[in-house]
């Protein structure tokens, strides 16, 4: 089976990350984006998300006056950088329960 890689687009948007299970928000720079995920660099905050963390990501697109809010899971990290995959908002609770129960 071959894996399809989604085309990525470079961006310089600012983002706000909320990590489910942690208090507070993190600032981040959205470096690239695809249909399936994104690469972010944490710019400020008191926590660096880890692989498996579930996120609520908000991106304010000033030029077109729109706000995008998506759920995601961290799939890899390197320093302050995060690779995330987008997930359906309905899956967040299910994944949180699975993590809590050790599945």
PDB file of N, CA and C in Angstrom:
ATOM      1  N   UNK A   1       0.839  -1.175   0.000  1.00  0.00           N
ATOM      2  CA  UNK A   1       0.000   0.000   0.000  1.00  0.00           C
ATOM      3  C   UNK A   1       0.888   1.243   0.000  1.00  0.00           C
ATOM      4  N   UNK A   2       0.611   2.203  -0.882  1.00  0.00           N
ATOM      5  CA  UNK A   2       1.401   3.423  -0.935  1.00  0.00           C
ATOM      6  C   UNK A   2       0.724   4.522  -0.126  1.00  0.00           C
ATOM      7  N   UNK A   3       1.548   5.331   0.507  1.00  0.00           N
ATOM      8  CA  UNK A   3       1.046   6.422   1.328  1.00  0.00           C
ATOM      9  C   UNK A   3       1.001   7.687   0.481  1.00  0.00           C
ATOM     10  N   UNK A   4      -0.133   8.378   0.507  1.00  0.00           N
ATOM     11  CA  UNK A   4      -0.266   9.620  -0.216  1.00  0.00           C
ATOM     12  C   UNK A   4       0.138  10.766   0.697  1.00  0.00           C
ATOM     13  N   UNK A   5       1.019  11.618   0.219  1.00  0.00           N
ATOM     14  CA  UNK A   5       1.465  12.757   0.999  1.00  0.00           C
ATOM     15  C   UNK A   5       0.735  13.992   0.486  1.00  0.00           C
ATOM     16  N   UNK A   6       0.066  14.685   1.411  1.00  0.00           N
ATOM     17  CA  UNK A   6      -0.692  15.882   1.048  1.00  0.00           C
ATOM     18  C   UNK A   6       0.258  17.029   0.726  1.00  0.00           C
ATOM     19  N   UNK A   7      -0.100  17.816  -0.273  1.00  0.00           N
ATOM     20  CA  UNK A   7       0.703  18.979  -0.651  1.00  0.00           C
ATOM     21  C   UNK A   7       0.694  19.991   0.496  1.00  0.00           C
ATOM     22  N   UNK A   8       1.878  20.480   0.844  1.00  0.00           N
ATOM     23  CA  UNK A   8       2.013  21.439   1.934  1.00  0.00           C
ATOM     24  C   UNK A   8       2.224  22.842   1.365  1.00  0.00           C
ATOM     25  N   UNK A   9       1.671  23.813   2.093  1.00  0.00           N
ATOM     26  CA  UNK A   9       1.788  25.214   1.711  1.00  0.00           C
ATOM     27  C   UNK A   9       2.451  25.973   2.846  1.00  0.00           C
ATOM     28  N   UNK A  10       3.507  26.735   2.517  1.00  0.00           N
ATOM     29  CA  UNK A  10       4.189  27.531   3.537  1.00  0.00           C
ATOM     30  C   UNK A  10       3.291  28.678   3.968  1.00  0.00           C
ATOM     31  N   UNK A  11       3.405  29.036   5.249  1.00  0.00           N
ATOM     32  CA  UNK A  11       2.613  30.129   5.798  1.00  0.00           C
ATOM     33  C   UNK A  11       3.385  30.791   6.931  1.00  0.00           C
ATOM     34  N   UNK A  12       2.974  31.977   7.285  1.00  0.00           N
ATOM     35  CA  UNK A  12       3.594  32.704   8.399  1.00  0.00           C
ATOM     36  C   UNK A  12       2.527  33.200   9.364  1.00  0.00           C
ATOM     37  N   UNK A  13       1.432  32.468   9.471  1.00  0.00           N
ATOM     38  CA  UNK A  13       0.323  32.861  10.337  1.00  0.00           C
ATOM     39  C   UNK A  13       0.659  32.590  11.805  1.00  0.00           C
ATOM     40  N   UNK A  14       0.057  33.370  12.678  1.00  0.00           N
ATOM     41  CA  UNK A  14       0.158  33.149  14.122  1.00  0.00           C
ATOM     42  C   UNK A  14      -0.983  32.230  14.537  1.00  0.00           C
ATOM     43  N   UNK A  15      -0.747  31.426  15.558  1.00  0.00           N
ATOM     44  CA  UNK A  15      -1.767  30.493  16.040  1.00  0.00           C
ATOM     45  C   UNK A  15      -1.768  30.478  17.564  1.00  0.00           C
ATOM     46  N   UNK A  16      -2.905  30.082  18.117  1.00  0.00           N
ATOM     47  CA  UNK A  16      -3.036  29.893  19.560  1.00  0.00           C
ATOM     48  C   UNK A  16      -3.368  28.417  19.776  1.00  0.00           C
ATOM     49  N   UNK A  17      -2.617  27.778  20.659  1.00  0.00           N
ATOM     50  CA  UNK A  17      -2.793  26.355  20.941  1.00  0.00           C
ATOM     51  C   UNK A  17      -3.322  26.186  22.360  1.00  0.00           C
ATOM     52  N   UNK A  18      -4.378  25.405  22.489  1.00  0.00           N
ATOM     53  CA  UNK A  18      -4.851  24.956  23.789  1.00  0.00           C
ATOM     54  C   UNK A  18      -4.613  23.452  23.822  1.00  0.00           C
ATOM     55  N   UNK A  19      -3.938  22.962  24.841  1.00  0.00           N
ATOM     56  CA  UNK A  19      -3.672  21.534  24.976  1.00  0.00           C
ATOM     57  C   UNK A  19      -4.689  20.977  25.957  1.00  0.00           C
ATOM     58  N   UNK A  20      -5.497  20.019  25.500  1.00  0.00           N
ATOM     59  CA  UNK A  20      -6.491  19.411  26.384  1.00  0.00           C
ATOM     60  C   UNK A  20      -5.779  18.773  27.572  1.00  0.00           C
ATOM     61  N   UNK A  21      -6.254  19.092  28.775  1.00  0.00           N
ATOM     62  CA  UNK A  21      -5.658  18.555  29.990  1.00  0.00           C
ATOM     63  C   UNK A  21      -4.616  19.469  30.610  1.00  0.00           C
ATOM     64  N   UNK A  22      -4.311  20.607  29.977  1.00  0.00           N
ATOM     65  CA  UNK A  22      -3.345  21.573  30.499  1.00  0.00           C
ATOM     66  C   UNK A  22      -4.008  22.936  30.571  1.00  0.00           C
ATOM     67  N   UNK A  23      -3.674  23.691  31.591  1.00  0.00           N
ATOM     68  CA  UNK A  23      -4.239  25.022  31.776  1.00  0.00           C
ATOM     69  C   UNK A  23      -3.432  26.031  30.970  1.00  0.00           C
ATOM     70  N   UNK A  24      -4.116  26.986  30.358  1.00  0.00           N
ATOM     71  CA  UNK A  24      -3.444  28.063  29.643  1.00  0.00           C
ATOM     72  C   UNK A  24      -3.369  27.815  28.152  1.00  0.00           C
ATOM     73  N   UNK A  25      -2.830  28.814  27.470  1.00  0.00           N
ATOM     74  CA  UNK A  25      -2.682  28.738  26.020  1.00  0.00           C
ATOM     75  C   UNK A  25      -1.227  28.978  25.642  1.00  0.00           C
ATOM     76  N   UNK A  26      -0.874  28.504  24.460  1.00  0.00           N
ATOM     77  CA  UNK A  26       0.469  28.676  23.925  1.00  0.00           C
ATOM     78  C   UNK A  26       0.389  29.484  22.641  1.00  0.00           C
ATOM     79  N   UNK A  27       1.380  30.313  22.414  1.00  0.00           N
ATOM     80  CA  UNK A  27       1.487  31.013  21.140  1.00  0.00           C
ATOM     81  C   UNK A  27       2.342  30.184  20.205  1.00  0.00           C
ATOM     82  N   UNK A  28       2.017  30.220  18.924  1.00  0.00           N
ATOM     83  CA  UNK A  28       2.794  29.437  17.958  1.00  0.00           C
ATOM     84  C   UNK A  28       2.811  30.126  16.601  1.00  0.00           C
ATOM     85  N   UNK A  29       3.782  29.750  15.797  1.00  0.00           N
ATOM     86  CA  UNK A  29       3.863  30.190  14.410  1.00  0.00           C
ATOM     87  C   UNK A  29       3.522  28.997  13.533  1.00  0.00           C
ATOM     88  N   UNK A  30       2.549  29.174  12.668  1.00  0.00           N
ATOM     89  CA  UNK A  30       2.139  28.128  11.728  1.00  0.00           C
ATOM     90  C   UNK A  30       3.073  28.230  10.531  1.00  0.00           C
ATOM     91  N   UNK A  31       3.924  27.225  10.332  1.00  0.00           N
ATOM     92  CA  UNK A  31       4.958  27.273   9.288  1.00  0.00           C
ATOM     93  C   UNK A  31       4.514  26.661   7.966  1.00  0.00           C
ATOM     94  N   UNK A  32       3.755  25.551   8.045  1.00  0.00           N
ATOM     95  CA  UNK A  32       3.191  25.007   6.814  1.00  0.00           C
ATOM     96  C   UNK A  32       1.894  24.295   7.131  1.00  0.00           C
ATOM     97  N   UNK A  33       1.118  24.074   6.077  1.00  0.00           N
ATOM     98  CA  UNK A  33      -0.247  23.607   6.233  1.00  0.00           C
ATOM     99  C   UNK A  33      -0.614  22.729   5.055  1.00  0.00           C
ATOM    100  N   UNK A  34      -1.386  21.677   5.322  1.00  0.00           N
ATOM    101  CA  UNK A  34      -1.925  20.821   4.263  1.00  0.00           C
ATOM    102  C   UNK A  34      -3.370  20.486   4.631  1.00  0.00           C
ATOM    103  N   UNK A  35      -4.008  19.704   3.810  1.00  0.00           N
ATOM    104  CA  UNK A  35      -5.378  19.273   4.107  1.00  0.00           C
ATOM    105  C   UNK A  35      -5.431  18.394   5.350  1.00  0.00           C
ATOM    106  N   UNK A  36      -4.342  17.692   5.631  1.00  0.00           N
ATOM    107  CA  UNK A  36      -4.360  16.708   6.711  1.00  0.00           C
ATOM    108  C   UNK A  36      -3.651  17.133   7.993  1.00  0.00           C
ATOM    109  N   UNK A  37      -2.827  18.171   7.933  1.00  0.00           N
ATOM    110  CA  UNK A  37      -2.090  18.566   9.123  1.00  0.00           C
ATOM    111  C   UNK A  37      -1.294  19.834   8.921  1.00  0.00           C
ATOM    112  N   UNK A  38      -0.371  20.068   9.858  1.00  0.00           N
ATOM    113  CA  UNK A  38       0.408  21.298   9.826  1.00  0.00           C
ATOM    114  C   UNK A  38       1.692  21.118  10.628  1.00  0.00           C
ATOM    115  N   UNK A  39       2.599  22.073  10.452  1.00  0.00           N
ATOM    116  CA  UNK A  39       3.808  22.160  11.263  1.00  0.00           C
ATOM    117  C   UNK A  39       3.768  23.486  11.996  1.00  0.00           C
ATOM    118  N   UNK A  40       3.929  23.437  13.313  1.00  0.00           N
ATOM    119  CA  UNK A  40       3.896  24.626  14.168  1.00  0.00           C
ATOM    120  C   UNK A  40       5.179  24.719  14.966  1.00  0.00           C
ATOM    121  N   UNK A  41       5.584  25.948  15.276  1.00  0.00           N
ATOM    122  CA  UNK A  41       6.679  26.178  16.207  1.00  0.00           C
ATOM    123  C   UNK A  41       6.125  26.973  17.383  1.00  0.00           C
ATOM    124  N   UNK A  42       6.253  26.415  18.578  1.00  0.00           N
ATOM    125  CA  UNK A  42       5.775  27.102  19.781  1.00  0.00           C
ATOM    126  C   UNK A  42       6.656  28.331  19.998  1.00  0.00           C
ATOM    127  N   UNK A  43       6.019  29.495  20.146  1.00  0.00           N
ATOM    128  CA  UNK A  43       6.780  30.730  20.327  1.00  0.00           C
ATOM    129  C   UNK A  43       6.771  31.206  21.779  1.00  0.00           C
ATOM    130  N   UNK A  44       5.710  30.892  22.518  1.00  0.00           N
ATOM    131  CA  UNK A  44       5.692  31.225  23.940  1.00  0.00           C
ATOM    132  C   UNK A  44       4.632  30.409  24.665  1.00  0.00           C
ATOM    133  N   UNK A  45       4.898  30.222  25.944  1.00  0.00           N
ATOM    134  CA  UNK A  45       4.022  29.422  26.795  1.00  0.00           C
ATOM    135  C   UNK A  45       4.864  28.612  27.755  1.00  0.00           C
ATOM    136  N   UNK A  46       4.195  27.941  28.688  1.00  0.00           N
ATOM    137  CA  UNK A  46       4.939  27.212  29.716  1.00  0.00           C
ATOM    138  C   UNK A  46       4.938  25.705  29.514  1.00  0.00           C
ATOM    139  N   UNK A  47       4.559  25.263  28.322  1.00  0.00           N
ATOM    140  CA  UNK A  47       4.504  23.827  28.045  1.00  0.00           C
ATOM    141  C   UNK A  47       4.758  23.610  26.559  1.00  0.00           C
ATOM    142  N   UNK A  48       5.535  22.596  26.238  1.00  0.00           N
ATOM    143  CA  UNK A  48       5.715  22.214  24.842  1.00  0.00           C
ATOM    144  C   UNK A  48       4.945  20.914  24.637  1.00  0.00           C
ATOM    145  N   UNK A  49       3.923  20.920  23.773  1.00  0.00           N
ATOM    146  CA  UNK A  49       3.129  19.714  23.552  1.00  0.00           C
ATOM    147  C   UNK A  49       4.001  18.525  23.151  1.00  0.00           C
ATOM    148  N   UNK A  50       3.553  17.348  23.541  1.00  0.00           N
ATOM    149  CA  UNK A  50       4.266  16.103  23.275  1.00  0.00           C
ATOM    150  C   UNK A  50       3.460  15.227  22.327  1.00  0.00           C
ATOM    151  N   UNK A  51       4.122  14.247  21.736  1.00  0.00           N
ATOM    152  CA  UNK A  51       3.447  13.298  20.848  1.00  0.00           C
ATOM    153  C   UNK A  51       2.250  12.690  21.581  1.00  0.00           C
ATOM    154  N   UNK A  52       1.099  12.689  20.916  1.00  0.00           N
ATOM    155  CA  UNK A  52      -0.112  12.138  21.499  1.00  0.00           C
ATOM    156  C   UNK A  52      -1.011  13.173  22.145  1.00  0.00           C
ATOM    157  N   UNK A  53      -0.476  14.387  22.430  1.00  0.00           N
ATOM    158  CA  UNK A  53      -1.320  15.434  23.009  1.00  0.00           C
ATOM    159  C   UNK A  53      -2.415  15.833  22.027  1.00  0.00           C
ATOM    160  N   UNK A  54      -3.588  16.123  22.563  1.00  0.00           N
ATOM    161  CA  UNK A  54      -4.713  16.592  21.759  1.00  0.00           C
ATOM    162  C   UNK A  54      -4.812  18.101  21.904  1.00  0.00           C
ATOM    163  N   UNK A  55      -5.023  18.778  20.772  1.00  0.00           N
ATOM    164  CA  UNK A  55      -4.987  20.230  20.740  1.00  0.00           C
ATOM    165  C   UNK A  55      -6.259  20.837  20.173  1.00  0.00           C
ATOM    166  N   UNK A  56      -6.511  22.055  20.607  1.00  0.00           N
ATOM    167  CA  UNK A  56      -7.489  22.916  19.961  1.00  0.00           C
ATOM    168  C   UNK A  56      -6.656  24.065  19.386  1.00  0.00           C
ATOM    169  N   UNK A  57      -6.663  24.219  18.085  1.00  0.00           N
ATOM    170  CA  UNK A  57      -5.820  25.189  17.395  1.00  0.00           C
ATOM    171  C   UNK A  57      -6.684  26.286  16.795  1.00  0.00           C
ATOM    172  N   UNK A  58      -6.345  27.539  17.093  1.00  0.00           N
ATOM    173  CA  UNK A  58      -7.067  28.680  16.545  1.00  0.00           C
ATOM    174  C   UNK A  58      -6.101  29.530  15.739  1.00  0.00           C
ATOM    175  N   UNK A  59      -6.478  29.794  14.490  1.00  0.00           N
ATOM    176  CA  UNK A  59      -5.669  30.631  13.604  1.00  0.00           C
ATOM    177  C   UNK A  59      -6.530  31.801  13.152  1.00  0.00           C
ATOM    178  N   UNK A  60      -6.059  33.010  13.432  1.00  0.00           N
ATOM    179  CA  UNK A  60      -6.758  34.229  13.030  1.00  0.00           C
ATOM    180  C   UNK A  60      -6.141  34.709  11.716  1.00  0.00           C
ATOM    181  N   UNK A  61      -6.920  34.657  10.643  1.00  0.00           N
ATOM    182  CA  UNK A  61      -6.444  35.104   9.333  1.00  0.00           C
ATOM    183  C   UNK A  61      -6.852  36.564   9.154  1.00  0.00           C
ATOM    184  N   UNK A  62      -5.957  37.470   9.532  1.00  0.00           N
ATOM    185  CA  UNK A  62      -6.257  38.901   9.542  1.00  0.00           C
ATOM    186  C   UNK A  62      -6.616  39.440   8.157  1.00  0.00           C
ATOM    187  N   UNK A  63      -5.892  38.996   7.134  1.00  0.00           N
ATOM    188  CA  UNK A  63      -6.103  39.567   5.802  1.00  0.00           C
ATOM    189  C   UNK A  63      -7.495  39.310   5.248  1.00  0.00           C
ATOM    190  N   UNK A  64      -8.114  38.190   5.646  1.00  0.00           N
ATOM    191  CA  UNK A  64      -9.465  37.907   5.148  1.00  0.00           C
ATOM    192  C   UNK A  64     -10.507  37.944   6.267  1.00  0.00           C
ATOM    193  N   UNK A  65     -10.079  38.416   7.443  1.00  0.00           N
ATOM    194  CA  UNK A  65     -10.989  38.581   8.583  1.00  0.00           C
ATOM    195  C   UNK A  65     -11.750  37.299   8.931  1.00  0.00           C
ATOM    196  N   UNK A  66     -11.026  36.189   9.011  1.00  0.00           N
ATOM    197  CA  UNK A  66     -11.629  34.903   9.366  1.00  0.00           C
ATOM    198  C   UNK A  66     -10.813  34.249  10.469  1.00  0.00           C
ATOM    199  N   UNK A  67     -11.515  33.466  11.281  1.00  0.00           N
ATOM    200  CA  UNK A  67     -10.868  32.673  12.316  1.00  0.00           C
ATOM    201  C   UNK A  67     -11.162  31.207  12.039  1.00  0.00           C
ATOM    202  N   UNK A  68     -10.119  30.395  12.065  1.00  0.00           N
ATOM    203  CA  UNK A  68     -10.285  28.948  11.890  1.00  0.00           C
ATOM    204  C   UNK A  68      -9.941  28.275  13.207  1.00  0.00           C
ATOM    205  N   UNK A  69     -10.771  27.320  13.598  1.00  0.00           N
ATOM    206  CA  UNK A  69     -10.585  26.586  14.836  1.00  0.00           C
ATOM    207  C   UNK A  69     -10.689  25.103  14.509  1.00  0.00           C
ATOM    208  N   UNK A  70      -9.621  24.353  14.786  1.00  0.00           N
ATOM    209  CA  UNK A  70      -9.598  22.925  14.462  1.00  0.00           C
ATOM    210  C   UNK A  70      -9.039  22.117  15.623  1.00  0.00           C
ATOM    211  N   UNK A  71      -9.391  20.855  15.661  1.00  0.00           N
ATOM    212  CA  UNK A  71      -8.829  19.911  16.629  1.00  0.00           C
ATOM    213  C   UNK A  71      -7.696  19.161  15.944  1.00  0.00           C
ATOM    214  N   UNK A  72      -6.705  18.780  16.727  1.00  0.00           N
ATOM    215  CA  UNK A  72      -5.548  18.090  16.151  1.00  0.00           C
ATOM    216  C   UNK A  72      -4.891  17.212  17.209  1.00  0.00           C
ATOM    217  N   UNK A  73      -4.036  16.312  16.713  1.00  0.00           N
ATOM    218  CA  UNK A  73      -3.212  15.476  17.593  1.00  0.00           C
ATOM    219  C   UNK A  73      -1.758  15.656  17.188  1.00  0.00           C
ATOM    220  N   UNK A  74      -0.879  15.769  18.182  1.00  0.00           N
ATOM    221  CA  UNK A  74       0.554  15.887  17.908  1.00  0.00           C
ATOM    222  C   UNK A  74       1.064  14.518  17.485  1.00  0.00           C
ATOM    223  N   UNK A  75       1.670  14.439  16.295  1.00  0.00           N
ATOM    224  CA  UNK A  75       2.177  13.155  15.802  1.00  0.00           C
ATOM    225  C   UNK A  75       3.704  13.053  15.901  1.00  0.00           C
ATOM    226  N   UNK A  76       4.384  14.185  15.992  1.00  0.00           N
ATOM    227  CA  UNK A  76       5.825  14.178  16.241  1.00  0.00           C
ATOM    228  C   UNK A  76       6.258  15.546  16.766  1.00  0.00           C
ATOM    229  N   UNK A  77       7.389  15.560  17.456  1.00  0.00           N
ATOM    230  CA  UNK A  77       7.958  16.808  17.961  1.00  0.00           C
ATOM    231  C   UNK A  77       9.460  16.814  17.713  1.00  0.00           C
ATOM    232  N   UNK A  78       9.990  18.022  17.602  1.00  0.00           N
ATOM    233  CA  UNK A  78      11.439  18.205  17.505  1.00  0.00           C
ATOM    234  C   UNK A  78      11.745  19.581  18.068  1.00  0.00           C
ATOM    235  N   UNK A  79      12.334  19.631  19.249  1.00  0.00           N
ATOM    236  CA  UNK A  79      12.570  20.913  19.910  1.00  0.00           C
ATOM    237  C   UNK A  79      11.237  21.599  20.184  1.00  0.00           C
ATOM    238  N   UNK A  80      11.088  22.809  19.660  1.00  0.00           N
ATOM    239  CA  UNK A  80       9.854  23.579  19.829  1.00  0.00           C
ATOM    240  C   UNK A  80       8.891  23.360  18.664  1.00  0.00           C
ATOM    241  N   UNK A  81       9.248  22.474  17.722  1.00  0.00           N
ATOM    242  CA  UNK A  81       8.413  22.212  16.553  1.00  0.00           C
ATOM    243  C   UNK A  81       7.472  21.041  16.767  1.00  0.00           C
ATOM    244  N   UNK A  82       6.272  21.147  16.172  1.00  0.00           N
ATOM    245  CA  UNK A  82       5.247  20.112  16.296  1.00  0.00           C
ATOM    246  C   UNK A  82       4.686  19.756  14.935  1.00  0.00           C
ATOM    247  N   UNK A  83       4.615  18.480  14.644  1.00  0.00           N
ATOM    248  CA  UNK A  83       3.860  18.007  13.494  1.00  0.00           C
ATOM    249  C   UNK A  83       2.509  17.554  14.003  1.00  0.00           C
ATOM    250  N   UNK A  84       1.439  18.078  13.427  1.00  0.00           N
ATOM    251  CA  UNK A  84       0.098  17.722  13.891  1.00  0.00           C
ATOM    252  C   UNK A  84      -0.739  17.181  12.748  1.00  0.00           C
ATOM    253  N   UNK A  85      -1.690  16.317  13.101  1.00  0.00           N
ATOM    254  CA  UNK A  85      -2.683  15.873  12.129  1.00  0.00           C
ATOM    255  C   UNK A  85      -4.038  16.348  12.625  1.00  0.00           C
ATOM    256  N   UNK A  86      -4.850  16.820  11.701  1.00  0.00           N
ATOM    257  CA  UNK A  86      -6.178  17.296  12.064  1.00  0.00           C
ATOM    258  C   UNK A  86      -7.083  16.115  12.355  1.00  0.00           C
ATOM    259  N   UNK A  87      -7.947  16.281  13.344  1.00  0.00           N
ATOM    260  CA  UNK A  87      -8.912  15.238  13.675  1.00  0.00           C
ATOM    261  C   UNK A  87     -10.290  15.870  13.777  1.00  0.00           C
ATOM    262  N   UNK A  88     -11.294  15.048  13.629  1.00  0.00           N
ATOM    263  CA  UNK A  88     -12.671  15.493  13.753  1.00  0.00           C
ATOM    264  C   UNK A  88     -12.934  15.860  15.211  1.00  0.00           C
ATOM    265  N   UNK A  89     -13.614  16.966  15.441  1.00  0.00           N
ATOM    266  CA  UNK A  89     -13.908  17.404  16.817  1.00  0.00           C
ATOM    267  C   UNK A  89     -14.627  16.323  17.619  1.00  0.00           C
ATOM    268  N   UNK A  90     -15.425  15.494  16.942  1.00  0.00           N
ATOM    269  CA  UNK A  90     -16.150  14.422  17.620  1.00  0.00           C
ATOM    270  C   UNK A  90     -15.209  13.350  18.168  1.00  0.00           C
ATOM    271  N   UNK A  91     -13.995  13.255  17.622  1.00  0.00           N
ATOM    272  CA  UNK A  91     -13.041  12.235  18.048  1.00  0.00           C
ATOM    273  C   UNK A  91     -12.258  12.631  19.299  1.00  0.00           C
ATOM    274  N   UNK A  92     -12.284  13.908  19.666  1.00  0.00           N
ATOM    275  CA  UNK A  92     -11.464  14.379  20.781  1.00  0.00           C
ATOM    276  C   UNK A  92     -11.814  13.647  22.073  1.00  0.00           C
ATOM    277  N   UNK A  93     -13.081  13.629  22.434  1.00  0.00           N
ATOM    278  CA  UNK A  93     -13.484  12.968  23.677  1.00  0.00           C
ATOM    279  C   UNK A  93     -13.141  11.481  23.647  1.00  0.00           C
ATOM    280  N   UNK A  94     -13.396  10.837  22.517  1.00  0.00           N
ATOM    281  CA  UNK A  94     -13.092   9.405  22.369  1.00  0.00           C
ATOM    282  C   UNK A  94     -11.603   9.142  22.577  1.00  0.00           C
ATOM    283  N   UNK A  95     -10.748   9.975  21.986  1.00  0.00           N
ATOM    284  CA  UNK A  95      -9.296   9.800  22.130  1.00  0.00           C
ATOM    285  C   UNK A  95      -8.829  10.112  23.548  1.00  0.00           C
ATOM    286  N   UNK A  96      -9.461  11.112  24.184  1.00  0.00           N
ATOM    287  CA  UNK A  96      -9.102  11.439  25.570  1.00  0.00           C
ATOM    288  C   UNK A  96      -9.437  10.271  26.495  1.00  0.00           C
ATOM    289  N   UNK A  97     -10.587   9.663  26.283  1.00  0.00           N
ATOM    290  CA  UNK A  97     -10.989   8.519  27.107  1.00  0.00           C
ATOM    291  C   UNK A  97     -10.037   7.342  26.892  1.00  0.00           C
ATOM    292  N   UNK A  98      -9.663   7.099  25.644  1.00  0.00           N
ATOM    293  CA  UNK A  98      -8.742   5.991  25.338  1.00  0.00           C
ATOM    294  C   UNK A  98      -7.397   6.222  26.014  1.00  0.00           C
ATOM    295  N   UNK A  99      -6.897   7.471  25.996  1.00  0.00           N
ATOM    296  CA  UNK A  99      -5.632   7.795  26.659  1.00  0.00           C
ATOM    297  C   UNK A  99      -5.737   7.569  28.160  1.00  0.00           C
ATOM    298  N   UNK A 100      -6.847   8.010  28.753  1.00  0.00           N
ATOM    299  CA  UNK A 100      -7.036   7.881  30.198  1.00  0.00           C
ATOM    300  C   UNK A 100      -7.106   6.427  30.635  1.00  0.00           C
ATOM    301  N   UNK A 101      -7.664   5.588  29.767  1.00  0.00           N
ATOM    302  CA  UNK A 101      -7.801   4.164  30.092  1.00  0.00           C
ATOM    303  C   UNK A 101      -6.595   3.348  29.660  1.00  0.00           C
ATOM    304  N   UNK A 102      -5.612   4.009  29.003  1.00  0.00           N
ATOM    305  CA  UNK A 102      -4.379   3.343  28.619  1.00  0.00           C
ATOM    306  C   UNK A 102      -4.474   2.506  27.357  1.00  0.00           C
ATOM    307  N   UNK A 103      -5.399   2.826  26.463  1.00  0.00           N
ATOM    308  CA  UNK A 103      -5.499   2.075  25.196  1.00  0.00           C
ATOM    309  C   UNK A 103      -4.558   2.603  24.166  1.00  0.00           C
TER     310      UNK A 103
END
